[in-house]
Each structure stands twice: as C-alpha cells, then as structure tokens.
Amino acid sequence: MKIDHLDHLVVTTADLEKCLHFYVDILGMELDDRNNRYAVKFGNQKINIHRQKAEFLPAARNVTYGSQDICLIAEGDINDIKAEIEEKGYPIELGIVQRTGACGPIDSIYLRDADENLVEISVYKN
C-alpha cells in the first residue's frame, strides 16, 4: 500500500454559523451543504463539519472541540495573505514565521477558528 493524499478531515464545532464564517468568509473555502451535512472544500480536499460530537459514526474516540491543529498550504505571497486576513478584521495569533512543511521551508501565519482549533496558513518558499 502507498498512501497518496489526504481526502478530508473532520472538525467538530459548537457553533456552526461561526465555524462556517471562518472557513468560508475568512479563508475563502467553498461551502457544501448537501443532504443536511456540512463541509468546506478547497482544491481536491475538504473539511467535514460536524455539529456535535460523534454526529456520524464511526467517529474519533475522544472528540473534543478545539483539538485540531492543521496546516493549509496557500498560493500567493504570505504578506498579502496576512494583509487580507487583517483587512477582514480577523485576529492573527502568530506570524509571519518560518517553519518546515512536508516538502521543505514554508512561511506561516497562525489563526484560531471559532472552536479554537489552530489553523496554520503557509506558503512554500521558492
């Protein structure tokens, strides 16, 4: 077996409206709300949004709000991305900082979503 890529991950939220505001309005992801389920899509991946712990089974054993720590790779200049988020009035927890991604050096900024999950937005250095 050879794992190829990530298809989706799950974030459980205590406040669907605030959660969707962050991922759709602040980060610019596409909302998918078919069949009374919620997800946000970007590229060929998505984040499924669950409205309560273990909403769909099977689920992680110890679902806890705010326990996710994810890194999203963005296109463009990290300074422009930081400015865009600031223009939207959303707080940046840390940034711009140098980190190491799966494929090499990245520049990152850190935000928290409505449930206090840590969301790192990064751009690979050329």
C-alpha atoms as a PDB file:
ATOM      1  CA  MET A   1       0.000   0.000   0.000  1.00  0.00           C
ATOM      2  CA  LYS A   2       1.092   3.544  -0.714  1.00  0.00           C
ATOM      3  CA  ILE A   3      -0.978   6.408   0.712  1.00  0.00           C
ATOM      4  CA  ASP A   4      -1.326   9.123  -1.928  1.00  0.00           C
ATOM      5  CA  HIS A   5      -3.012  12.167  -0.361  1.00  0.00           C
ATOM      6  CA  LEU A   6      -5.467  13.445   2.204  1.00  0.00           C
ATOM      7  CA  ASP A   7      -9.102  13.453   1.072  1.00  0.00           C
ATOM      8  CA  HIS A   8     -10.816  15.056   4.068  1.00  0.00           C
ATOM      9  CA  LEU A   9     -10.611  15.644   7.767  1.00  0.00           C
ATOM     10  CA  VAL A  10     -13.317  16.345  10.326  1.00  0.00           C
ATOM     11  CA  VAL A  11     -13.738  19.381  12.548  1.00  0.00           C
ATOM     12  CA  THR A  12     -16.449  19.263  15.214  1.00  0.00           C
ATOM     13  CA  THR A  13     -17.948  22.636  16.034  1.00  0.00           C
ATOM     14  CA  ALA A  14     -20.011  24.006  18.893  1.00  0.00           C
ATOM     15  CA  ASP A  15     -21.258  26.871  16.661  1.00  0.00           C
ATOM     16  CA  LEU A  16     -21.909  26.034  13.014  1.00  0.00           C
ATOM     17  CA  GLU A  17     -22.504  29.657  11.940  1.00  0.00           C
ATOM     18  CA  LYS A  18     -19.214  30.917  13.403  1.00  0.00           C
ATOM     19  CA  CYS A  19     -17.343  27.903  12.065  1.00  0.00           C
ATOM     20  CA  LEU A  20     -18.626  28.420   8.526  1.00  0.00           C
ATOM     21  CA  HIS A  21     -17.886  32.147   8.743  1.00  0.00           C
ATOM     22  CA  PHE A  22     -14.221  31.353   9.439  1.00  0.00           C
ATOM     23  CA  TYR A  23     -13.704  28.737   6.728  1.00  0.00           C
ATOM     24  CA  VAL A  24     -15.918  30.308   4.039  1.00  0.00           C
ATOM     25  CA  ASP A  25     -15.761  34.084   4.629  1.00  0.00           C
ATOM     26  CA  ILE A  26     -12.267  34.425   6.095  1.00  0.00           C
ATOM     27  CA  LEU A  27     -10.384  31.609   4.316  1.00  0.00           C
ATOM     28  CA  GLY A  28     -12.462  31.609   1.124  1.00  0.00           C
ATOM     29  CA  MET A  29     -13.386  27.915   1.029  1.00  0.00           C
ATOM     30  CA  GLU A  30     -16.464  26.672  -0.816  1.00  0.00           C
ATOM     31  CA  LEU A  31     -19.474  25.588   1.256  1.00  0.00           C
ATOM     32  CA  ASP A  32     -21.010  22.188   0.530  1.00  0.00           C
ATOM     33  CA  ASP A  33     -24.245  21.768   2.485  1.00  0.00           C
ATOM     34  CA  ARG A  34     -25.932  18.908   0.658  1.00  0.00           C
ATOM     35  CA  ASN A  35     -28.027  16.259   2.459  1.00  0.00           C
ATOM     36  CA  ASN A  36     -28.146  18.203   5.739  1.00  0.00           C
ATOM     37  CA  ARG A  37     -24.384  17.739   6.109  1.00  0.00           C
ATOM     38  CA  TYR A  38     -21.757  20.465   6.068  1.00  0.00           C
ATOM     39  CA  ALA A  39     -18.292  20.597   4.544  1.00  0.00           C
ATOM     40  CA  VAL A  40     -15.940  23.233   3.192  1.00  0.00           C
ATOM     41  CA  LYS A  41     -13.973  22.439   0.063  1.00  0.00           C
ATOM     42  CA  PHE A  42     -10.654  23.683  -1.280  1.00  0.00           C
ATOM     43  CA  GLY A  43      -8.701  22.181  -4.165  1.00  0.00           C
ATOM     44  CA  ASN A  44      -9.302  18.425  -4.121  1.00  0.00           C
ATOM     45  CA  GLN A  45      -9.809  18.236  -0.363  1.00  0.00           C
ATOM     46  CA  LYS A  46     -12.489  19.096   2.136  1.00  0.00           C
ATOM     47  CA  ILE A  47     -13.116  19.574   5.808  1.00  0.00           C
ATOM     48  CA  ASN A  48     -16.293  17.889   7.044  1.00  0.00           C
ATOM     49  CA  ILE A  49     -18.003  19.961   9.712  1.00  0.00           C
ATOM     50  CA  HIS A  50     -19.807  18.013  12.420  1.00  0.00           C
ATOM     51  CA  ARG A  51     -22.312  19.887  14.585  1.00  0.00           C
ATOM     52  CA  GLN A  52     -21.974  17.644  17.606  1.00  0.00           C
ATOM     53  CA  LYS A  53     -19.576  15.087  18.958  1.00  0.00           C
ATOM     54  CA  ALA A  54     -19.876  11.762  17.110  1.00  0.00           C
ATOM     55  CA  GLU A  55     -22.589  13.163  14.828  1.00  0.00           C
ATOM     56  CA  PHE A  56     -21.759  10.437  12.293  1.00  0.00           C
ATOM     57  CA  LEU A  57     -20.390   7.026  13.234  1.00  0.00           C
ATOM     58  CA  PRO A  58     -17.811   5.738  13.355  1.00  0.00           C
ATOM     59  CA  ALA A  59     -16.076   8.757  14.870  1.00  0.00           C
ATOM     60  CA  ALA A  60     -12.855   9.528  16.695  1.00  0.00           C
ATOM     61  CA  ARG A  61     -12.904   8.070  20.190  1.00  0.00           C
ATOM     62  CA  ASN A  62     -12.315  11.328  22.093  1.00  0.00           C
ATOM     63  CA  VAL A  63     -13.910  14.124  20.091  1.00  0.00           C
ATOM     64  CA  THR A  64     -13.122  17.473  21.697  1.00  0.00           C
ATOM     65  CA  TYR A  65     -13.797  20.976  20.420  1.00  0.00           C
ATOM     66  CA  GLY A  66     -10.611  22.847  19.606  1.00  0.00           C
ATOM     67  CA  SER A  67      -8.299  19.832  19.476  1.00  0.00           C
ATOM     68  CA  GLN A  68      -7.315  20.132  15.801  1.00  0.00           C
ATOM     69  CA  ASP A  69      -4.007  21.570  14.614  1.00  0.00           C
ATOM     70  CA  ILE A  70      -3.921  21.794  10.826  1.00  0.00           C
ATOM     71  CA  CYS A  71      -1.690  23.391   8.227  1.00  0.00           C
ATOM     72  CA  LEU A  72      -3.170  24.632   4.957  1.00  0.00           C
ATOM     73  CA  ILE A  73      -0.931  25.464   2.007  1.00  0.00           C
ATOM     74  CA  ALA A  74      -1.940  28.620   0.136  1.00  0.00           C
ATOM     75  CA  GLU A  75      -0.897  30.140  -3.160  1.00  0.00           C
ATOM     76  CA  GLY A  76       0.476  33.654  -3.327  1.00  0.00           C
ATOM     77  CA  ASP A  77       2.605  35.834  -1.091  1.00  0.00           C
ATOM     78  CA  ILE A  78       2.331  35.269   2.670  1.00  0.00           C
ATOM     79  CA  ASN A  79       2.458  39.040   3.283  1.00  0.00           C
ATOM     80  CA  ASP A  80      -0.569  39.546   1.018  1.00  0.00           C
ATOM     81  CA  ILE A  81      -2.419  36.694   2.739  1.00  0.00           C
ATOM     82  CA  LYS A  82      -1.698  38.179   6.157  1.00  0.00           C
ATOM     83  CA  ALA A  83      -2.898  41.612   4.963  1.00  0.00           C
ATOM     84  CA  GLU A  84      -6.099  40.102   3.523  1.00  0.00           C
ATOM     85  CA  ILE A  85      -6.945  38.399   6.828  1.00  0.00           C
ATOM     86  CA  GLU A  86      -6.187  41.594   8.765  1.00  0.00           C
ATOM     87  CA  GLU A  87      -8.403  43.603   6.364  1.00  0.00           C
ATOM     88  CA  LYS A  88     -11.245  41.209   7.200  1.00  0.00           C
ATOM     89  CA  GLY A  89     -10.684  42.064  10.866  1.00  0.00           C
ATOM     90  CA  TYR A  90      -9.738  38.523  11.882  1.00  0.00           C
ATOM     91  CA  PRO A  91      -7.062  38.149  14.568  1.00  0.00           C
ATOM     92  CA  ILE A  92      -3.759  36.524  13.716  1.00  0.00           C
ATOM     93  CA  GLU A  93      -2.239  34.633  16.614  1.00  0.00           C
ATOM     94  CA  LEU A  94       1.317  34.407  15.280  1.00  0.00           C
ATOM     95  CA  GLY A  95       3.071  35.240  12.083  1.00  0.00           C
ATOM     96  CA  ILE A  96       4.863  35.521   9.799  1.00  0.00           C
ATOM     97  CA  VAL A  97       7.235  32.767  10.949  1.00  0.00           C
ATOM     98  CA  GLN A  98       9.470  30.272   9.192  1.00  0.00           C
ATOM     99  CA  ARG A  99       8.573  26.607   9.530  1.00  0.00           C
ATOM    100  CA  THR A 100       9.256  23.342   7.736  1.00  0.00           C
ATOM    101  CA  GLY A 101       6.442  21.733   5.750  1.00  0.00           C
ATOM    102  CA  ALA A 102       6.224  18.256   4.270  1.00  0.00           C
ATOM    103  CA  CYS A 103       8.085  19.408   1.138  1.00  0.00           C
ATOM    104  CA  GLY A 104      10.511  21.995   2.555  1.00  0.00           C
ATOM    105  CA  PRO A 105      10.678  25.502   4.035  1.00  0.00           C
ATOM    106  CA  ILE A 106       7.439  27.463   4.453  1.00  0.00           C
ATOM    107  CA  ASP A 107       6.364  30.846   5.790  1.00  0.00           C
ATOM    108  CA  SER A 108       3.356  30.613   8.096  1.00  0.00           C
ATOM    109  CA  ILE A 109       0.743  32.568   9.962  1.00  0.00           C
ATOM    110  CA  TYR A 110      -1.425  31.079  12.703  1.00  0.00           C
ATOM    111  CA  LEU A 111      -5.125  31.682  13.378  1.00  0.00           C
ATOM    112  CA  ARG A 112      -7.757  30.051  15.563  1.00  0.00           C
ATOM    113  CA  ASP A 113     -11.149  29.077  14.216  1.00  0.00           C
ATOM    114  CA  ALA A 114     -14.404  29.535  16.139  1.00  0.00           C
ATOM    115  CA  ASP A 115     -13.723  26.416  18.235  1.00  0.00           C
ATOM    116  CA  GLU A 116     -10.100  27.404  18.988  1.00  0.00           C
ATOM    117  CA  ASN A 117      -8.592  24.873  16.570  1.00  0.00           C
ATOM    118  CA  LEU A 118      -5.149  26.027  15.474  1.00  0.00           C
ATOM    119  CA  VAL A 119      -5.080  26.750  11.726  1.00  0.00           C
ATOM    120  CA  GLU A 120      -1.714  27.410  10.119  1.00  0.00           C
ATOM    121  CA  ILE A 121      -1.773  29.089   6.691  1.00  0.00           C
ATOM    122  CA  SER A 122       1.511  28.547   4.866  1.00  0.00           C
ATOM    123  CA  VAL A 123       3.255  29.301   1.592  1.00  0.00           C
ATOM    124  CA  TYR A 124       6.213  27.289   0.327  1.00  0.00           C
ATOM    125  CA  LYS A 125       9.350  29.291  -0.311  1.00  0.00           C
ATOM    126  CA  ASN A 126      10.574  29.271  -3.901  1.00  0.00           C
END
